Amino acid sequence: MFTCVHRMMGYCQGHQTLRHQGTAFVKTIKELMQLLLEYRAVIYDSDNRDSMMCCTVSLLASLYLRYKFS
């Protein structure tokens, strides 16, 4: 995944029109993918309910803030 992020970041930075919006988009997608991967790891590998709830709250809060302020 991170190779793809670096590649997309390079494409956006090299493009005059997409430089700012494209870079911001790639950063957003990278952060959300990291949260989703963390959520998946906790759900499948953890029996600790506190870890699951913390991870779920973090993911939902991030998604809500992006929705509210976009």
PDB file of N, CA and C in Angstrom:
ATOM      1  N   MET A   1       0.810  -1.191   0.000  1.00  0.00           N
ATOM      2  CA  MET A   1       0.000   0.000   0.000  1.00  0.00           C
ATOM      3  C   MET A   1       0.853   1.255   0.000  1.00  0.00           C
ATOM      4  N   PHE A   2       1.904   1.275   0.780  1.00  0.00           N
ATOM      5  CA  PHE A   2       2.677   2.499   0.906  1.00  0.00           C
ATOM      6  C   PHE A   2       3.480   2.805  -0.352  1.00  0.00           C
ATOM      7  N   THR A   3       3.812   1.774  -1.134  1.00  0.00           N
ATOM      8  CA  THR A   3       4.466   2.020  -2.416  1.00  0.00           C
ATOM      9  C   THR A   3       3.509   2.772  -3.330  1.00  0.00           C
ATOM     10  N   CYS A   4       2.260   2.391  -3.306  1.00  0.00           N
ATOM     11  CA  CYS A   4       1.236   3.064  -4.098  1.00  0.00           C
ATOM     12  C   CYS A   4       1.081   4.512  -3.642  1.00  0.00           C
ATOM     13  N   VAL A   5       1.122   4.746  -2.343  1.00  0.00           N
ATOM     14  CA  VAL A   5       0.990   6.101  -1.806  1.00  0.00           C
ATOM     15  C   VAL A   5       2.146   6.972  -2.288  1.00  0.00           C
ATOM     16  N   HIS A   6       3.353   6.446  -2.229  1.00  0.00           N
ATOM     17  CA  HIS A   6       4.521   7.215  -2.686  1.00  0.00           C
ATOM     18  C   HIS A   6       4.431   7.493  -4.184  1.00  0.00           C
ATOM     19  N   ARG A   7       3.968   6.524  -4.927  1.00  0.00           N
ATOM     20  CA  ARG A   7       3.835   6.697  -6.376  1.00  0.00           C
ATOM     21  C   ARG A   7       2.782   7.761  -6.692  1.00  0.00           C
ATOM     22  N   MET A   8       1.630   7.684  -6.038  1.00  0.00           N
ATOM     23  CA  MET A   8       0.572   8.672  -6.269  1.00  0.00           C
ATOM     24  C   MET A   8       1.004  10.063  -5.818  1.00  0.00           C
ATOM     25  N   MET A   9       1.740  10.130  -4.719  1.00  0.00           N
ATOM     26  CA  MET A   9       2.234  11.417  -4.230  1.00  0.00           C
ATOM     27  C   MET A   9       3.192  12.030  -5.251  1.00  0.00           C
ATOM     28  N   GLY A  10       4.030  11.203  -5.833  1.00  0.00           N
ATOM     29  CA  GLY A  10       4.956  11.688  -6.863  1.00  0.00           C
ATOM     30  C   GLY A  10       4.226  12.199  -8.091  1.00  0.00           C
ATOM     31  N   TYR A  11       3.180  11.481  -8.510  1.00  0.00           N
ATOM     32  CA  TYR A  11       2.390  11.933  -9.661  1.00  0.00           C
ATOM     33  C   TYR A  11       1.733  13.283  -9.375  1.00  0.00           C
ATOM     34  N   CYS A  12       1.165  13.412  -8.181  1.00  0.00           N
ATOM     35  CA  CYS A  12       0.485  14.662  -7.835  1.00  0.00           C
ATOM     36  C   CYS A  12       1.460  15.829  -7.721  1.00  0.00           C
ATOM     37  N   GLN A  13       2.592  15.598  -7.120  1.00  0.00           N
ATOM     38  CA  GLN A  13       3.565  16.674  -6.956  1.00  0.00           C
ATOM     39  C   GLN A  13       4.167  17.104  -8.286  1.00  0.00           C
ATOM     40  N   GLY A  14       4.211  16.189  -9.232  1.00  0.00           N
ATOM     41  CA  GLY A  14       4.753  16.520 -10.544  1.00  0.00           C
ATOM     42  C   GLY A  14       3.739  17.137 -11.490  1.00  0.00           C
ATOM     43  N   HIS A  15       2.492  17.215 -11.087  1.00  0.00           N
ATOM     44  CA  HIS A  15       1.424  17.740 -11.931  1.00  0.00           C
ATOM     45  C   HIS A  15       1.058  19.149 -11.459  1.00  0.00           C
ATOM     46  N   GLN A  16       1.040  20.085 -12.348  1.00  0.00           N
ATOM     47  CA  GLN A  16       0.788  21.486 -11.983  1.00  0.00           C
ATOM     48  C   GLN A  16      -0.605  21.682 -11.374  1.00  0.00           C
ATOM     49  N   THR A  17      -1.619  21.115 -11.991  1.00  0.00           N
ATOM     50  CA  THR A  17      -2.994  21.332 -11.543  1.00  0.00           C
ATOM     51  C   THR A  17      -3.331  20.544 -10.282  1.00  0.00           C
ATOM     52  N   LEU A  18      -2.811  19.336 -10.155  1.00  0.00           N
ATOM     53  CA  LEU A  18      -3.166  18.463  -9.031  1.00  0.00           C
ATOM     54  C   LEU A  18      -2.249  18.583  -7.820  1.00  0.00           C
ATOM     55  N   ARG A  19      -1.294  19.453  -7.886  1.00  0.00           N
ATOM     56  CA  ARG A  19      -0.273  19.491  -6.835  1.00  0.00           C
ATOM     57  C   ARG A  19      -0.881  19.619  -5.438  1.00  0.00           C
ATOM     58  N   HIS A  20      -1.701  20.611  -5.192  1.00  0.00           N
ATOM     59  CA  HIS A  20      -2.202  20.843  -3.831  1.00  0.00           C
ATOM     60  C   HIS A  20      -3.365  19.924  -3.470  1.00  0.00           C
ATOM     61  N   GLN A  21      -4.381  19.874  -4.305  1.00  0.00           N
ATOM     62  CA  GLN A  21      -5.540  19.039  -3.995  1.00  0.00           C
ATOM     63  C   GLN A  21      -5.200  17.556  -4.062  1.00  0.00           C
ATOM     64  N   GLY A  22      -4.404  17.168  -5.026  1.00  0.00           N
ATOM     65  CA  GLY A  22      -4.026  15.763  -5.159  1.00  0.00           C
ATOM     66  C   GLY A  22      -3.198  15.283  -3.991  1.00  0.00           C
ATOM     67  N   THR A  23      -2.255  16.098  -3.559  1.00  0.00           N
ATOM     68  CA  THR A  23      -1.411  15.746  -2.418  1.00  0.00           C
ATOM     69  C   THR A  23      -2.256  15.620  -1.154  1.00  0.00           C
ATOM     70  N   ALA A  24      -3.178  16.557  -0.948  1.00  0.00           N
ATOM     71  CA  ALA A  24      -4.057  16.493   0.221  1.00  0.00           C
ATOM     72  C   ALA A  24      -4.933  15.242   0.171  1.00  0.00           C
ATOM     73  N   PHE A  25      -5.428  14.900  -1.015  1.00  0.00           N
ATOM     74  CA  PHE A  25      -6.257  13.712  -1.168  1.00  0.00           C
ATOM     75  C   PHE A  25      -5.472  12.441  -0.840  1.00  0.00           C
ATOM     76  N   VAL A  26      -4.261  12.346  -1.352  1.00  0.00           N
ATOM     77  CA  VAL A  26      -3.440  11.158  -1.101  1.00  0.00           C
ATOM     78  C   VAL A  26      -3.129  11.027   0.389  1.00  0.00           C
ATOM     79  N   LYS A  27      -2.845  12.137   1.055  1.00  0.00           N
ATOM     80  CA  LYS A  27      -2.581  12.097   2.496  1.00  0.00           C
ATOM     81  C   LYS A  27      -3.816  11.636   3.261  1.00  0.00           C
ATOM     82  N   THR A  28      -4.984  12.107   2.852  1.00  0.00           N
ATOM     83  CA  THR A  28      -6.230  11.711   3.501  1.00  0.00           C
ATOM     84  C   THR A  28      -6.479  10.223   3.325  1.00  0.00           C
ATOM     85  N   ILE A  29      -6.329   9.736   2.115  1.00  0.00           N
ATOM     86  CA  ILE A  29      -6.544   8.314   1.839  1.00  0.00           C
ATOM     87  C   ILE A  29      -5.548   7.460   2.612  1.00  0.00           C
ATOM     88  N   LYS A  30      -4.306   7.908   2.689  1.00  0.00           N
ATOM     89  CA  LYS A  30      -3.289   7.158   3.426  1.00  0.00           C
ATOM     90  C   LYS A  30      -3.674   7.041   4.903  1.00  0.00           C
ATOM     91  N   GLU A  31      -4.106   8.148   5.491  1.00  0.00           N
ATOM     92  CA  GLU A  31      -4.474   8.141   6.904  1.00  0.00           C
ATOM     93  C   GLU A  31      -5.683   7.237   7.155  1.00  0.00           C
ATOM     94  N   LEU A  32      -6.679   7.321   6.287  1.00  0.00           N
ATOM     95  CA  LEU A  32      -7.861   6.495   6.463  1.00  0.00           C
ATOM     96  C   LEU A  32      -7.555   5.014   6.262  1.00  0.00           C
ATOM     97  N   MET A  33      -6.699   4.701   5.303  1.00  0.00           N
ATOM     98  CA  MET A  33      -6.319   3.303   5.089  1.00  0.00           C
ATOM     99  C   MET A  33      -5.553   2.757   6.292  1.00  0.00           C
ATOM    100  N   GLN A  34      -4.703   3.586   6.885  1.00  0.00           N
ATOM    101  CA  GLN A  34      -3.981   3.146   8.074  1.00  0.00           C
ATOM    102  C   GLN A  34      -4.953   2.838   9.213  1.00  0.00           C
ATOM    103  N   LEU A  35      -5.961   3.702   9.385  1.00  0.00           N
ATOM    104  CA  LEU A  35      -6.952   3.460  10.428  1.00  0.00           C
ATOM    105  C   LEU A  35      -7.757   2.189  10.156  1.00  0.00           C
ATOM    106  N   LEU A  36      -8.127   1.965   8.904  1.00  0.00           N
ATOM    107  CA  LEU A  36      -8.868   0.759   8.561  1.00  0.00           C
ATOM    108  C   LEU A  36      -8.036  -0.505   8.763  1.00  0.00           C
ATOM    109  N   LEU A  37      -6.755  -0.453   8.407  1.00  0.00           N
ATOM    110  CA  LEU A  37      -5.880  -1.605   8.618  1.00  0.00           C
ATOM    111  C   LEU A  37      -5.668  -1.878  10.101  1.00  0.00           C
ATOM    112  N   GLU A  38      -5.545  -0.813  10.885  1.00  0.00           N
ATOM    113  CA  GLU A  38      -5.405  -0.959  12.328  1.00  0.00           C
ATOM    114  C   GLU A  38      -6.683  -1.567  12.914  1.00  0.00           C
ATOM    115  N   TYR A  39      -7.823  -1.087  12.447  1.00  0.00           N
ATOM    116  CA  TYR A  39      -9.110  -1.619  12.898  1.00  0.00           C
ATOM    117  C   TYR A  39      -9.218  -3.105  12.586  1.00  0.00           C
ATOM    118  N   ARG A  40      -8.852  -3.482  11.363  1.00  0.00           N
ATOM    119  CA  ARG A  40      -8.921  -4.891  10.966  1.00  0.00           C
ATOM    120  C   ARG A  40      -8.013  -5.748  11.836  1.00  0.00           C
ATOM    121  N   ALA A  41      -6.806  -5.270  12.090  1.00  0.00           N
ATOM    122  CA  ALA A  41      -5.859  -6.031  12.907  1.00  0.00           C
ATOM    123  C   ALA A  41      -6.384  -6.226  14.324  1.00  0.00           C
ATOM    124  N   VAL A  42      -6.956  -5.181  14.885  1.00  0.00           N
ATOM    125  CA  VAL A  42      -7.474  -5.278  16.250  1.00  0.00           C
ATOM    126  C   VAL A  42      -8.679  -6.207  16.313  1.00  0.00           C
ATOM    127  N   ILE A  43      -9.564  -6.103  15.331  1.00  0.00           N
ATOM    128  CA  ILE A  43     -10.770  -6.937  15.334  1.00  0.00           C
ATOM    129  C   ILE A  43     -10.420  -8.416  15.190  1.00  0.00           C
ATOM    130  N   TYR A  44      -9.492  -8.733  14.316  1.00  0.00           N
ATOM    131  CA  TYR A  44      -9.168 -10.143  14.064  1.00  0.00           C
ATOM    132  C   TYR A  44      -8.195 -10.751  15.069  1.00  0.00           C
ATOM    133  N   ASP A  45      -7.345  -9.929  15.661  1.00  0.00           N
ATOM    134  CA  ASP A  45      -6.283 -10.479  16.498  1.00  0.00           C
ATOM    135  C   ASP A  45      -6.457 -10.225  17.988  1.00  0.00           C
ATOM    136  N   SER A  46      -7.457  -9.459  18.357  1.00  0.00           N
ATOM    137  CA  SER A  46      -7.553  -9.073  19.757  1.00  0.00           C
ATOM    138  C   SER A  46      -8.846  -9.570  20.389  1.00  0.00           C
ATOM    139  N   ASP A  47      -8.717 -10.023  21.605  1.00  0.00           N
ATOM    140  CA  ASP A  47      -9.891 -10.382  22.403  1.00  0.00           C
ATOM    141  C   ASP A  47     -10.189  -9.291  23.430  1.00  0.00           C
ATOM    142  N   ASN A  48      -9.387  -8.239  23.416  1.00  0.00           N
ATOM    143  CA  ASN A  48      -9.536  -7.148  24.365  1.00  0.00           C
ATOM    144  C   ASN A  48     -10.596  -6.170  23.849  1.00  0.00           C
ATOM    145  N   ARG A  49     -11.705  -6.072  24.549  1.00  0.00           N
ATOM    146  CA  ARG A  49     -12.798  -5.203  24.115  1.00  0.00           C
ATOM    147  C   ARG A  49     -12.416  -3.724  24.173  1.00  0.00           C
ATOM    148  N   ASP A  50     -11.557  -3.341  25.114  1.00  0.00           N
ATOM    149  CA  ASP A  50     -11.136  -1.948  25.203  1.00  0.00           C
ATOM    150  C   ASP A  50     -10.347  -1.537  23.970  1.00  0.00           C
ATOM    151  N   SER A  51      -9.478  -2.402  23.488  1.00  0.00           N
ATOM    152  CA  SER A  51      -8.714  -2.115  22.277  1.00  0.00           C
ATOM    153  C   SER A  51      -9.631  -1.972  21.073  1.00  0.00           C
ATOM    154  N   MET A  52     -10.622  -2.848  20.987  1.00  0.00           N
ATOM    155  CA  MET A  52     -11.570  -2.787  19.871  1.00  0.00           C
ATOM    156  C   MET A  52     -12.365  -1.484  19.901  1.00  0.00           C
ATOM    157  N   MET A  53     -12.834  -1.097  21.072  1.00  0.00           N
ATOM    158  CA  MET A  53     -13.623   0.130  21.188  1.00  0.00           C
ATOM    159  C   MET A  53     -12.775   1.362  20.894  1.00  0.00           C
ATOM    160  N   CYS A  54     -11.564   1.383  21.384  1.00  0.00           N
ATOM    161  CA  CYS A  54     -10.670   2.518  21.144  1.00  0.00           C
ATOM    162  C   CYS A  54     -10.400   2.675  19.651  1.00  0.00           C
ATOM    163  N   CYS A  55     -10.135   1.590  18.999  1.00  0.00           N
ATOM    164  CA  CYS A  55      -9.857   1.607  17.571  1.00  0.00           C
ATOM    165  C   CYS A  55     -11.097   2.032  16.784  1.00  0.00           C
ATOM    166  N   THR A  56     -12.258   1.531  17.164  1.00  0.00           N
ATOM    167  CA  THR A  56     -13.507   1.891  16.491  1.00  0.00           C
ATOM    168  C   THR A  56     -13.818   3.370  16.665  1.00  0.00           C
ATOM    169  N   VAL A  57     -13.666   3.886  17.871  1.00  0.00           N
ATOM    170  CA  VAL A  57     -13.916   5.299  18.134  1.00  0.00           C
ATOM    171  C   VAL A  57     -12.957   6.167  17.334  1.00  0.00           C
ATOM    172  N   SER A  58     -11.707   5.795  17.267  1.00  0.00           N
ATOM    173  CA  SER A  58     -10.722   6.557  16.503  1.00  0.00           C
ATOM    174  C   SER A  58     -11.087   6.612  15.028  1.00  0.00           C
ATOM    175  N   LEU A  59     -11.463   5.488  14.475  1.00  0.00           N
ATOM    176  CA  LEU A  59     -11.843   5.431  13.066  1.00  0.00           C
ATOM    177  C   LEU A  59     -13.096   6.257  12.799  1.00  0.00           C
ATOM    178  N   LEU A  60     -14.121   6.085  13.612  1.00  0.00           N
ATOM    179  CA  LEU A  60     -15.373   6.817  13.410  1.00  0.00           C
ATOM    180  C   LEU A  60     -15.193   8.318  13.620  1.00  0.00           C
ATOM    181  N   ALA A  61     -14.398   8.714  14.589  1.00  0.00           N
ATOM    182  CA  ALA A  61     -14.151  10.137  14.824  1.00  0.00           C
ATOM    183  C   ALA A  61     -13.448  10.772  13.636  1.00  0.00           C
ATOM    184  N   SER A  62     -12.489  10.078  13.090  1.00  0.00           N
ATOM    185  CA  SER A  62     -11.773  10.599  11.928  1.00  0.00           C
ATOM    186  C   SER A  62     -12.711  10.749  10.733  1.00  0.00           C
ATOM    187  N   LEU A  63     -13.528   9.743  10.496  1.00  0.00           N
ATOM    188  CA  LEU A  63     -14.481   9.810   9.387  1.00  0.00           C
ATOM    189  C   LEU A  63     -15.506  10.923   9.606  1.00  0.00           C
ATOM    190  N   TYR A  64     -15.991  11.070  10.825  1.00  0.00           N
ATOM    191  CA  TYR A  64     -16.973  12.111  11.119  1.00  0.00           C
ATOM    192  C   TYR A  64     -16.379  13.509  10.920  1.00  0.00           C
ATOM    193  N   LEU A  65     -15.182  13.721  11.413  1.00  0.00           N
ATOM    194  CA  LEU A  65     -14.558  15.041  11.270  1.00  0.00           C
ATOM    195  C   LEU A  65     -14.320  15.377   9.805  1.00  0.00           C
ATOM    196  N   ARG A  66     -13.927  14.413   9.033  1.00  0.00           N
ATOM    197  CA  ARG A  66     -13.717  14.649   7.591  1.00  0.00           C
ATOM    198  C   ARG A  66     -15.045  14.969   6.906  1.00  0.00           C
ATOM    199  N   TYR A  67     -16.108  14.303   7.318  1.00  0.00           N
ATOM    200  CA  TYR A  67     -17.421  14.564   6.737  1.00  0.00           C
ATOM    201  C   TYR A  67     -17.918  15.946   7.131  1.00  0.00           C
ATOM    202  N   LYS A  68     -17.780  16.274   8.395  1.00  0.00           N
ATOM    203  CA  LYS A  68     -18.310  17.539   8.916  1.00  0.00           C
ATOM    204  C   LYS A  68     -17.584  18.752   8.326  1.00  0.00           C
ATOM    205  N   PHE A  69     -16.289  18.661   8.139  1.00  0.00           N
ATOM    206  CA  PHE A  69     -15.514  19.823   7.711  1.00  0.00           C
ATOM    207  C   PHE A  69     -15.132  19.786   6.234  1.00  0.00           C
ATOM    208  N   SER A  70     -15.750  18.924   5.463  1.00  0.00           N
ATOM    209  CA  SER A  70     -15.436  18.918   4.032  1.00  0.00           C
ATOM    210  C   SER A  70     -16.500  19.629   3.234  1.00  0.00           C
TER     211      SER A  70
END
